[in-house]
Amino acid sequence: MQPIYLKQAKSITLIIAFVSLLQALLAIIGVMTVALTIPDQEKLNLTDTIIRRALLNTSINAIFFVIFTILFFVAF
């Protein structure tokens, strides 16, 4: 029988992993959304630097959230 604090630590780790997975999915959706707005940049008055910054930011977020998700699932 495991002590109660080990059960709580495992459940908290699992909850953090699922939250990180959700954030990773949202960041990937953000990358896809920005990539899909590139053809409409004339209508939206977007410059290439704004699009590059948005793609870089959302890509970095997605990568880090995926890494955190993997680490928390391994720790579980």
C-alpha atoms as a PDB file:
ATOM      1  CA  MET A   1       0.000   0.000   0.000  1.00  0.00           C
ATOM      2  CA  GLN A   2       1.375   3.379  -1.028  1.00  0.00           C
ATOM      3  CA  PRO A   3       1.423   6.269   1.388  1.00  0.00           C
ATOM      4  CA  ILE A   4      -1.149   8.962   0.699  1.00  0.00           C
ATOM      5  CA  TYR A   5       1.428  11.575  -0.308  1.00  0.00           C
ATOM      6  CA  LEU A   6       2.695   9.350  -3.137  1.00  0.00           C
ATOM      7  CA  LYS A   7      -0.824   8.940  -4.501  1.00  0.00           C
ATOM      8  CA  GLN A   8      -1.344  12.701  -4.396  1.00  0.00           C
ATOM      9  CA  ALA A   9       1.973  13.355  -6.129  1.00  0.00           C
ATOM     10  CA  LYS A  10       1.100  10.929  -8.910  1.00  0.00           C
ATOM     11  CA  SER A  11      -2.331  12.433  -9.438  1.00  0.00           C
ATOM     12  CA  ILE A  12      -0.926  15.968  -9.484  1.00  0.00           C
ATOM     13  CA  THR A  13       1.735  14.896 -12.001  1.00  0.00           C
ATOM     14  CA  LEU A  14      -0.944  13.365 -14.195  1.00  0.00           C
ATOM     15  CA  ILE A  15      -3.118  16.495 -13.999  1.00  0.00           C
ATOM     16  CA  ILE A  16      -0.163  18.719 -14.930  1.00  0.00           C
ATOM     17  CA  ALA A  17       0.648  16.397 -17.841  1.00  0.00           C
ATOM     18  CA  PHE A  18      -2.904  16.651 -19.177  1.00  0.00           C
ATOM     19  CA  VAL A  19      -2.926  20.441 -18.813  1.00  0.00           C
ATOM     20  CA  SER A  20       0.400  20.635 -20.627  1.00  0.00           C
ATOM     21  CA  LEU A  21      -0.967  18.359 -23.356  1.00  0.00           C
ATOM     22  CA  LEU A  22      -3.970  20.654 -23.753  1.00  0.00           C
ATOM     23  CA  GLN A  23      -1.682  23.677 -24.008  1.00  0.00           C
ATOM     24  CA  ALA A  24       0.433  21.867 -26.609  1.00  0.00           C
ATOM     25  CA  LEU A  25      -2.654  21.121 -28.687  1.00  0.00           C
ATOM     26  CA  LEU A  26      -3.776  24.734 -28.459  1.00  0.00           C
ATOM     27  CA  ALA A  27      -0.303  25.929 -29.481  1.00  0.00           C
ATOM     28  CA  ILE A  28      -0.333  23.578 -32.482  1.00  0.00           C
ATOM     29  CA  ILE A  29      -3.762  24.908 -33.438  1.00  0.00           C
ATOM     30  CA  GLY A  30      -2.257  28.400 -33.158  1.00  0.00           C
ATOM     31  CA  VAL A  31       0.570  27.490 -35.532  1.00  0.00           C
ATOM     32  CA  MET A  32      -1.917  26.103 -38.026  1.00  0.00           C
ATOM     33  CA  THR A  33      -4.133  29.184 -37.709  1.00  0.00           C
ATOM     34  CA  VAL A  34      -1.237  31.534 -38.352  1.00  0.00           C
ATOM     35  CA  ALA A  35      -0.075  29.395 -41.270  1.00  0.00           C
ATOM     36  CA  LEU A  36      -3.548  29.505 -42.778  1.00  0.00           C
ATOM     37  CA  THR A  37      -3.751  33.313 -42.532  1.00  0.00           C
ATOM     38  CA  ILE A  38      -0.639  33.789 -44.666  1.00  0.00           C
ATOM     39  CA  PRO A  39      -2.610  33.820 -47.968  1.00  0.00           C
ATOM     40  CA  ASP A  40      -4.943  36.494 -46.529  1.00  0.00           C
ATOM     41  CA  GLN A  41      -2.193  38.838 -45.367  1.00  0.00           C
ATOM     42  CA  GLU A  42      -3.168  41.518 -47.906  1.00  0.00           C
ATOM     43  CA  LYS A  43      -6.725  41.636 -46.585  1.00  0.00           C
ATOM     44  CA  LEU A  44      -5.622  41.627 -42.958  1.00  0.00           C
ATOM     45  CA  ASN A  45      -2.779  44.151 -43.473  1.00  0.00           C
ATOM     46  CA  LEU A  46      -0.210  41.780 -41.973  1.00  0.00           C
ATOM     47  CA  THR A  47       3.461  42.186 -42.652  1.00  0.00           C
ATOM     48  CA  ASP A  48       5.891  39.322 -43.066  1.00  0.00           C
ATOM     49  CA  THR A  49       7.637  40.166 -39.796  1.00  0.00           C
ATOM     50  CA  ILE A  50       4.390  39.886 -37.835  1.00  0.00           C
ATOM     51  CA  ILE A  51       3.660  36.501 -39.402  1.00  0.00           C
ATOM     52  CA  ARG A  52       7.215  35.273 -38.738  1.00  0.00           C
ATOM     53  CA  ARG A  53       7.041  36.383 -35.111  1.00  0.00           C
ATOM     54  CA  ALA A  54       3.677  34.697 -34.615  1.00  0.00           C
ATOM     55  CA  LEU A  55       4.879  31.456 -36.199  1.00  0.00           C
ATOM     56  CA  LEU A  56       8.085  31.472 -34.166  1.00  0.00           C
ATOM     57  CA  ASN A  57       6.284  32.210 -30.908  1.00  0.00           C
ATOM     58  CA  THR A  58       3.605  29.573 -31.357  1.00  0.00           C
ATOM     59  CA  SER A  59       6.143  27.004 -32.585  1.00  0.00           C
ATOM     60  CA  ILE A  60       8.332  27.503 -29.529  1.00  0.00           C
ATOM     61  CA  ASN A  61       5.286  27.237 -27.259  1.00  0.00           C
ATOM     62  CA  ALA A  62       4.182  24.015 -28.941  1.00  0.00           C
ATOM     63  CA  ILE A  63       7.644  22.469 -28.665  1.00  0.00           C
ATOM     64  CA  PHE A  64       8.031  23.316 -24.986  1.00  0.00           C
ATOM     65  CA  PHE A  65       4.537  22.125 -24.073  1.00  0.00           C
ATOM     66  CA  VAL A  66       5.129  18.818 -25.866  1.00  0.00           C
ATOM     67  CA  ILE A  67       8.428  18.416 -24.007  1.00  0.00           C
ATOM     68  CA  PHE A  68       6.758  19.166 -20.669  1.00  0.00           C
ATOM     69  CA  THR A  69       3.973  16.721 -21.455  1.00  0.00           C
ATOM     70  CA  ILE A  70       6.439  13.942 -22.231  1.00  0.00           C
ATOM     71  CA  LEU A  71       8.457  14.679 -19.097  1.00  0.00           C
ATOM     72  CA  PHE A  72       5.392  14.614 -16.852  1.00  0.00           C
ATOM     73  CA  PHE A  73       4.077  11.401 -18.384  1.00  0.00           C
ATOM     74  CA  VAL A  74       7.501   9.801 -17.903  1.00  0.00           C
ATOM     75  CA  ALA A  75       7.556  11.021 -14.300  1.00  0.00           C
ATOM     76  CA  PHE A  76       4.122   9.510 -13.721  1.00  0.00           C
END
